[in-house]
Amino acid sequence: MDIILYSAIGSNSSERVEWALNYKSLPYKRIEVSSHELSTSYLKINPFGYVPTISINGILISESMAIIECLEEHHPKNTLFGQTWAERAAIREVCEYVNSSIHAPQNRTVLKAFRPELTENEKRELRGSWIVQCLAKLSPKLWNTSNFAIGSSFSTADIFVASIYKKSCQHGAVKLEDYDKYLNWLSGQEQISASEPKI
């Protein structure tokens, strides 16, 4: 299977897909998309104008959750969606919360459209603060049966949660003790750590 990942340094959503590809040991070619290309030539690949997009045998798919679910369907080995229907539902619930409630409002393009008066530093602070507030609400849903976010194995929920928390840290937000312990624990798991994108 021929896989091309269109990505960009600093893209939280791209990191999710790259982590899934690495964890599943799927070979792929990574193409870095520049800021200029996002609003010009890249629109032929993804008219939404953002990354990631993946090409699987020439078929283009965007949106990180849709991409990872597609990868899971094609390559169920090293599953990222739990062992039971209840785990799969809980994993999707966490991912949807990260996507819709946490990620979208703090997205750079969203803030540019709705809060254009903010300086880059103010946007950075707002993004970090928003992520931390939402992660505090998410905590009761996590780590209830093991050190993994959901269930007893690494899943898409771990990828989404770990990636968005790291993003809050990059924005200089207040650290959350439970999430710090969680990241440290994940980094101690050999296969998980080895597959994590080092961007």
C-alpha atoms as a PDB file:
ATOM      1  CA  MET A   1       0.000   0.000   0.000  1.00  0.00           C
ATOM      2  CA  ASP A   2       1.379   3.368  -1.046  1.00  0.00           C
ATOM      3  CA  ILE A   3       0.928   5.949   1.728  1.00  0.00           C
ATOM      4  CA  ILE A   4       1.800   9.641   1.563  1.00  0.00           C
ATOM      5  CA  LEU A   5       1.245  11.891   4.584  1.00  0.00           C
ATOM      6  CA  TYR A   6       0.932  15.620   3.976  1.00  0.00           C
ATOM      7  CA  SER A   7       1.954  17.216   7.249  1.00  0.00           C
ATOM      8  CA  ALA A   8       3.426  20.337   8.833  1.00  0.00           C
ATOM      9  CA  ILE A   9       5.734  20.876  11.773  1.00  0.00           C
ATOM     10  CA  GLY A  10       3.732  22.000  14.792  1.00  0.00           C
ATOM     11  CA  SER A  11       0.467  20.475  13.553  1.00  0.00           C
ATOM     12  CA  ASN A  12      -1.177  18.624  16.422  1.00  0.00           C
ATOM     13  CA  SER A  13      -3.527  16.771  14.071  1.00  0.00           C
ATOM     14  CA  SER A  14      -0.659  15.658  11.841  1.00  0.00           C
ATOM     15  CA  GLU A  15       1.200  14.351  14.876  1.00  0.00           C
ATOM     16  CA  ARG A  16      -1.782  12.126  15.711  1.00  0.00           C
ATOM     17  CA  VAL A  17      -1.737  10.483  12.279  1.00  0.00           C
ATOM     18  CA  GLU A  18       2.022  10.074  12.210  1.00  0.00           C
ATOM     19  CA  TRP A  19       1.932   8.436  15.641  1.00  0.00           C
ATOM     20  CA  ALA A  20      -0.728   5.976  14.424  1.00  0.00           C
ATOM     21  CA  LEU A  21       1.252   5.153  11.283  1.00  0.00           C
ATOM     22  CA  ASN A  22       4.420   4.566  13.290  1.00  0.00           C
ATOM     23  CA  TYR A  23       2.662   2.472  15.928  1.00  0.00           C
ATOM     24  CA  LYS A  24       1.162   0.268  13.242  1.00  0.00           C
ATOM     25  CA  SER A  25       4.597   0.034  11.540  1.00  0.00           C
ATOM     26  CA  LEU A  26       3.187   1.270   8.245  1.00  0.00           C
ATOM     27  CA  PRO A  27       5.755   2.686   5.812  1.00  0.00           C
ATOM     28  CA  TYR A  28       4.882   6.114   4.435  1.00  0.00           C
ATOM     29  CA  LYS A  29       6.350   9.133   2.738  1.00  0.00           C
ATOM     30  CA  ARG A  30       5.989  12.397   4.672  1.00  0.00           C
ATOM     31  CA  ILE A  31       5.615  15.613   2.685  1.00  0.00           C
ATOM     32  CA  GLU A  32       6.091  18.848   4.590  1.00  0.00           C
ATOM     33  CA  VAL A  33       3.558  21.516   3.610  1.00  0.00           C
ATOM     34  CA  SER A  34       4.625  25.135   4.069  1.00  0.00           C
ATOM     35  CA  SER A  35       2.358  27.912   5.365  1.00  0.00           C
ATOM     36  CA  HIS A  36       2.331  29.470   1.893  1.00  0.00           C
ATOM     37  CA  GLU A  37       1.344  26.179   0.232  1.00  0.00           C
ATOM     38  CA  LEU A  38      -1.601  25.738   2.624  1.00  0.00           C
ATOM     39  CA  SER A  39      -3.373  28.636   0.926  1.00  0.00           C
ATOM     40  CA  THR A  40      -2.109  28.011  -2.621  1.00  0.00           C
ATOM     41  CA  SER A  41      -1.003  24.791  -4.336  1.00  0.00           C
ATOM     42  CA  TYR A  42      -2.006  22.503  -1.462  1.00  0.00           C
ATOM     43  CA  LEU A  43      -5.682  23.423  -1.936  1.00  0.00           C
ATOM     44  CA  LYS A  44      -5.721  21.008  -4.877  1.00  0.00           C
ATOM     45  CA  ILE A  45      -4.942  18.230  -2.388  1.00  0.00           C
ATOM     46  CA  ASN A  46      -7.146  19.441   0.456  1.00  0.00           C
ATOM     47  CA  PRO A  47      -9.590  22.287  -0.256  1.00  0.00           C
ATOM     48  CA  PHE A  48      -9.982  22.789   3.516  1.00  0.00           C
ATOM     49  CA  GLY A  49      -6.479  24.241   3.483  1.00  0.00           C
ATOM     50  CA  TYR A  50      -5.013  22.417   6.460  1.00  0.00           C
ATOM     51  CA  VAL A  51      -3.094  19.296   7.348  1.00  0.00           C
ATOM     52  CA  PRO A  52      -3.078  16.377   7.671  1.00  0.00           C
ATOM     53  CA  THR A  53      -4.137  14.754   4.464  1.00  0.00           C
ATOM     54  CA  ILE A  54      -3.187  11.206   3.622  1.00  0.00           C
ATOM     55  CA  SER A  55      -3.011   9.557   0.236  1.00  0.00           C
ATOM     56  CA  ILE A  56      -3.637   5.804   0.288  1.00  0.00           C
ATOM     57  CA  ASN A  57      -3.037   4.331  -3.154  1.00  0.00           C
ATOM     58  CA  GLY A  58      -3.926   7.726  -4.617  1.00  0.00           C
ATOM     59  CA  ILE A  59      -7.128   8.201  -2.606  1.00  0.00           C
ATOM     60  CA  LEU A  60      -7.019  11.396  -0.530  1.00  0.00           C
ATOM     61  CA  ILE A  61      -8.466  11.511   2.999  1.00  0.00           C
ATOM     62  CA  SER A  62      -8.360  14.424   5.442  1.00  0.00           C
ATOM     63  CA  GLU A  63      -9.331  14.837   9.118  1.00  0.00           C
ATOM     64  CA  SER A  64      -7.138  12.983  11.607  1.00  0.00           C
ATOM     65  CA  MET A  65      -9.895  10.815  13.104  1.00  0.00           C
ATOM     66  CA  ALA A  66     -11.163   9.704   9.696  1.00  0.00           C
ATOM     67  CA  ILE A  67      -7.604   8.911   8.628  1.00  0.00           C
ATOM     68  CA  ILE A  68      -6.817   6.836  11.724  1.00  0.00           C
ATOM     69  CA  GLU A  69     -10.101   4.931  11.459  1.00  0.00           C
ATOM     70  CA  CYS A  70      -9.289   4.183   7.817  1.00  0.00           C
ATOM     71  CA  LEU A  71      -5.825   2.934   8.780  1.00  0.00           C
ATOM     72  CA  GLU A  72      -7.437   0.730  11.436  1.00  0.00           C
ATOM     73  CA  GLU A  73      -9.804  -0.803   8.889  1.00  0.00           C
ATOM     74  CA  HIS A  74      -6.965  -1.580   6.489  1.00  0.00           C
ATOM     75  CA  HIS A  75      -4.479  -2.657   9.177  1.00  0.00           C
ATOM     76  CA  PRO A  76      -6.175  -3.942  12.343  1.00  0.00           C
ATOM     77  CA  LYS A  77      -2.847  -5.268  13.685  1.00  0.00           C
ATOM     78  CA  ASN A  78      -1.700  -3.193  16.678  1.00  0.00           C
ATOM     79  CA  THR A  79      -5.259  -2.004  17.093  1.00  0.00           C
ATOM     80  CA  LEU A  80      -5.840   1.549  18.275  1.00  0.00           C
ATOM     81  CA  PHE A  81      -9.532   1.100  19.081  1.00  0.00           C
ATOM     82  CA  GLY A  82      -9.695  -1.202  22.090  1.00  0.00           C
ATOM     83  CA  GLN A  83     -10.953  -4.740  22.507  1.00  0.00           C
ATOM     84  CA  THR A  84     -14.715  -4.353  23.075  1.00  0.00           C
ATOM     85  CA  TRP A  85     -17.553  -2.236  21.724  1.00  0.00           C
ATOM     86  CA  ALA A  86     -17.641  -0.328  25.034  1.00  0.00           C
ATOM     87  CA  GLU A  87     -13.936   0.512  24.808  1.00  0.00           C
ATOM     88  CA  ARG A  88     -14.311   1.574  21.173  1.00  0.00           C
ATOM     89  CA  ALA A  89     -17.205   3.858  22.113  1.00  0.00           C
ATOM     90  CA  ALA A  90     -15.248   5.376  25.026  1.00  0.00           C
ATOM     91  CA  ILE A  91     -12.191   5.924  22.805  1.00  0.00           C
ATOM     92  CA  ARG A  92     -14.295   7.691  20.177  1.00  0.00           C
ATOM     93  CA  GLU A  93     -15.967   9.776  22.903  1.00  0.00           C
ATOM     94  CA  VAL A  94     -12.593  11.042  24.155  1.00  0.00           C
ATOM     95  CA  CYS A  95     -11.327  11.711  20.639  1.00  0.00           C
ATOM     96  CA  GLU A  96     -14.477  13.609  19.713  1.00  0.00           C
ATOM     97  CA  TYR A  97     -14.168  15.762  22.824  1.00  0.00           C
ATOM     98  CA  VAL A  98     -10.547  16.562  22.000  1.00  0.00           C
ATOM     99  CA  ASN A  99     -11.432  17.317  18.371  1.00  0.00           C
ATOM    100  CA  SER A 100     -14.584  19.351  18.881  1.00  0.00           C
ATOM    101  CA  SER A 101     -14.401  20.904  22.332  1.00  0.00           C
ATOM    102  CA  ILE A 102     -10.663  21.324  22.843  1.00  0.00           C
ATOM    103  CA  HIS A 103      -8.883  21.503  19.510  1.00  0.00           C
ATOM    104  CA  ALA A 104     -11.281  23.437  17.307  1.00  0.00           C
ATOM    105  CA  PRO A 105     -11.775  26.599  19.427  1.00  0.00           C
ATOM    106  CA  GLN A 106      -8.026  27.022  20.003  1.00  0.00           C
ATOM    107  CA  ASN A 107      -7.099  26.376  16.369  1.00  0.00           C
ATOM    108  CA  ARG A 108      -4.934  29.144  14.932  1.00  0.00           C
ATOM    109  CA  THR A 109      -7.247  29.778  11.974  1.00  0.00           C
ATOM    110  CA  VAL A 110     -10.329  29.882  14.215  1.00  0.00           C
ATOM    111  CA  LEU A 111      -8.729  32.410  16.557  1.00  0.00           C
ATOM    112  CA  LYS A 112      -7.580  34.488  13.609  1.00  0.00           C
ATOM    113  CA  ALA A 113     -11.169  34.638  12.346  1.00  0.00           C
ATOM    114  CA  PHE A 114     -12.916  35.275  15.662  1.00  0.00           C
ATOM    115  CA  ARG A 115     -10.270  37.131  17.669  1.00  0.00           C
ATOM    116  CA  PRO A 116      -8.142  38.998  15.083  1.00  0.00           C
ATOM    117  CA  GLU A 117      -7.352  41.758  17.598  1.00  0.00           C
ATOM    118  CA  LEU A 118      -5.226  39.434  19.736  1.00  0.00           C
ATOM    119  CA  THR A 119      -1.463  39.515  19.444  1.00  0.00           C
ATOM    120  CA  GLU A 120       0.363  36.257  18.733  1.00  0.00           C
ATOM    121  CA  ASN A 121       1.437  36.060  22.377  1.00  0.00           C
ATOM    122  CA  GLU A 122      -2.142  36.641  23.585  1.00  0.00           C
ATOM    123  CA  LYS A 123      -3.383  33.923  21.247  1.00  0.00           C
ATOM    124  CA  ARG A 124      -0.715  31.573  22.557  1.00  0.00           C
ATOM    125  CA  GLU A 125      -1.764  32.206  26.156  1.00  0.00           C
ATOM    126  CA  LEU A 126      -5.440  31.813  25.306  1.00  0.00           C
ATOM    127  CA  ARG A 127      -4.821  28.548  23.464  1.00  0.00           C
ATOM    128  CA  GLY A 128      -2.875  27.046  26.355  1.00  0.00           C
ATOM    129  CA  SER A 129      -5.393  28.172  28.946  1.00  0.00           C
ATOM    130  CA  TRP A 130      -8.315  26.783  26.959  1.00  0.00           C
ATOM    131  CA  ILE A 131      -6.695  23.373  26.517  1.00  0.00           C
ATOM    132  CA  VAL A 132      -5.903  23.088  30.228  1.00  0.00           C
ATOM    133  CA  GLN A 133      -9.450  24.055  31.266  1.00  0.00           C
ATOM    134  CA  CYS A 134     -10.913  21.404  28.987  1.00  0.00           C
ATOM    135  CA  LEU A 135      -8.426  18.717  29.995  1.00  0.00           C
ATOM    136  CA  ALA A 136      -9.392  19.256  33.630  1.00  0.00           C
ATOM    137  CA  LYS A 137     -12.991  18.402  32.660  1.00  0.00           C
ATOM    138  CA  LEU A 138     -11.830  15.350  30.711  1.00  0.00           C
ATOM    139  CA  SER A 139      -9.841  13.808  33.589  1.00  0.00           C
ATOM    140  CA  PRO A 140     -12.723  11.826  35.170  1.00  0.00           C
ATOM    141  CA  LYS A 141     -13.119   9.910  31.887  1.00  0.00           C
ATOM    142  CA  LEU A 142      -9.467   8.825  31.820  1.00  0.00           C
ATOM    143  CA  TRP A 143      -7.274   6.182  33.476  1.00  0.00           C
ATOM    144  CA  ASN A 144     -10.156   4.394  35.196  1.00  0.00           C
ATOM    145  CA  THR A 145      -9.023   0.819  34.497  1.00  0.00           C
ATOM    146  CA  SER A 146      -5.280   1.200  33.820  1.00  0.00           C
ATOM    147  CA  ASN A 147      -2.578   3.768  33.090  1.00  0.00           C
ATOM    148  CA  PHE A 148      -3.864   3.998  29.524  1.00  0.00           C
ATOM    149  CA  ALA A 149      -6.458   6.673  28.775  1.00  0.00           C
ATOM    150  CA  ILE A 150      -9.151   4.086  28.045  1.00  0.00           C
ATOM    151  CA  GLY A 151      -9.089   0.349  28.637  1.00  0.00           C
ATOM    152  CA  SER A 152      -5.960  -1.714  29.079  1.00  0.00           C
ATOM    153  CA  SER A 153      -4.035  -0.978  25.880  1.00  0.00           C
ATOM    154  CA  PHE A 154      -2.653   1.938  23.884  1.00  0.00           C
ATOM    155  CA  SER A 155      -5.343   3.534  21.742  1.00  0.00           C
ATOM    156  CA  THR A 156      -6.316   6.510  19.643  1.00  0.00           C
ATOM    157  CA  ALA A 157      -7.529   8.126  22.867  1.00  0.00           C
ATOM    158  CA  ASP A 158      -3.946   8.075  24.195  1.00  0.00           C
ATOM    159  CA  ILE A 159      -2.687   9.675  20.989  1.00  0.00           C
ATOM    160  CA  PHE A 160      -5.280  12.458  21.073  1.00  0.00           C
ATOM    161  CA  VAL A 161      -4.934  13.171  24.804  1.00  0.00           C
ATOM    162  CA  ALA A 162      -1.133  13.083  24.913  1.00  0.00           C
ATOM    163  CA  SER A 163      -0.803  15.233  21.780  1.00  0.00           C
ATOM    164  CA  ILE A 164      -3.188  17.957  22.935  1.00  0.00           C
ATOM    165  CA  TYR A 165      -1.618  18.101  26.405  1.00  0.00           C
ATOM    166  CA  LYS A 166       1.843  18.484  24.866  1.00  0.00           C
ATOM    167  CA  LYS A 167       0.395  21.329  22.780  1.00  0.00           C
ATOM    168  CA  SER A 168      -0.757  23.128  25.942  1.00  0.00           C
ATOM    169  CA  CYS A 169       2.759  22.771  27.371  1.00  0.00           C
ATOM    170  CA  GLN A 170       4.216  24.263  24.190  1.00  0.00           C
ATOM    171  CA  HIS A 171       1.962  27.262  24.750  1.00  0.00           C
ATOM    172  CA  GLY A 172       3.337  27.681  28.265  1.00  0.00           C
ATOM    173  CA  ALA A 173       0.132  26.701  30.031  1.00  0.00           C
ATOM    174  CA  VAL A 174      -0.056  25.586  33.644  1.00  0.00           C
ATOM    175  CA  LYS A 175       1.121  21.992  34.033  1.00  0.00           C
ATOM    176  CA  LEU A 176      -1.370  19.366  35.191  1.00  0.00           C
ATOM    177  CA  GLU A 177       0.146  16.806  37.553  1.00  0.00           C
ATOM    178  CA  ASP A 178      -1.985  13.853  36.406  1.00  0.00           C
ATOM    179  CA  TYR A 179      -1.200  14.550  32.763  1.00  0.00           C
ATOM    180  CA  ASP A 180       2.520  14.967  33.466  1.00  0.00           C
ATOM    181  CA  LYS A 181       2.562  11.568  35.191  1.00  0.00           C
ATOM    182  CA  TYR A 182       0.647  10.123  32.257  1.00  0.00           C
ATOM    183  CA  LEU A 183       3.115  11.454  29.674  1.00  0.00           C
ATOM    184  CA  ASN A 184       6.041  10.165  31.708  1.00  0.00           C
ATOM    185  CA  TRP A 185       4.424   6.746  31.958  1.00  0.00           C
ATOM    186  CA  LEU A 186       3.711   6.601  28.212  1.00  0.00           C
ATOM    187  CA  SER A 187       7.309   7.580  27.441  1.00  0.00           C
ATOM    188  CA  GLY A 188       8.431   4.584  29.492  1.00  0.00           C
ATOM    189  CA  GLN A 189       6.561   2.146  27.233  1.00  0.00           C
ATOM    190  CA  GLU A 190       9.052   1.109  24.549  1.00  0.00           C
ATOM    191  CA  GLN A 191       6.769   0.596  21.535  1.00  0.00           C
ATOM    192  CA  ILE A 192       4.737   3.698  22.301  1.00  0.00           C
ATOM    193  CA  SER A 193       7.774   5.910  22.843  1.00  0.00           C
ATOM    194  CA  ALA A 194       9.497   4.597  19.719  1.00  0.00           C
ATOM    195  CA  SER A 195       6.455   5.370  17.576  1.00  0.00           C
ATOM    196  CA  GLU A 196       5.851   8.874  18.953  1.00  0.00           C
ATOM    197  CA  PRO A 197       6.764  11.517  16.366  1.00  0.00           C
ATOM    198  CA  LYS A 198       9.859  13.464  17.417  1.00  0.00           C
ATOM    199  CA  ILE A 199       8.872  16.810  15.928  1.00  0.00           C
END
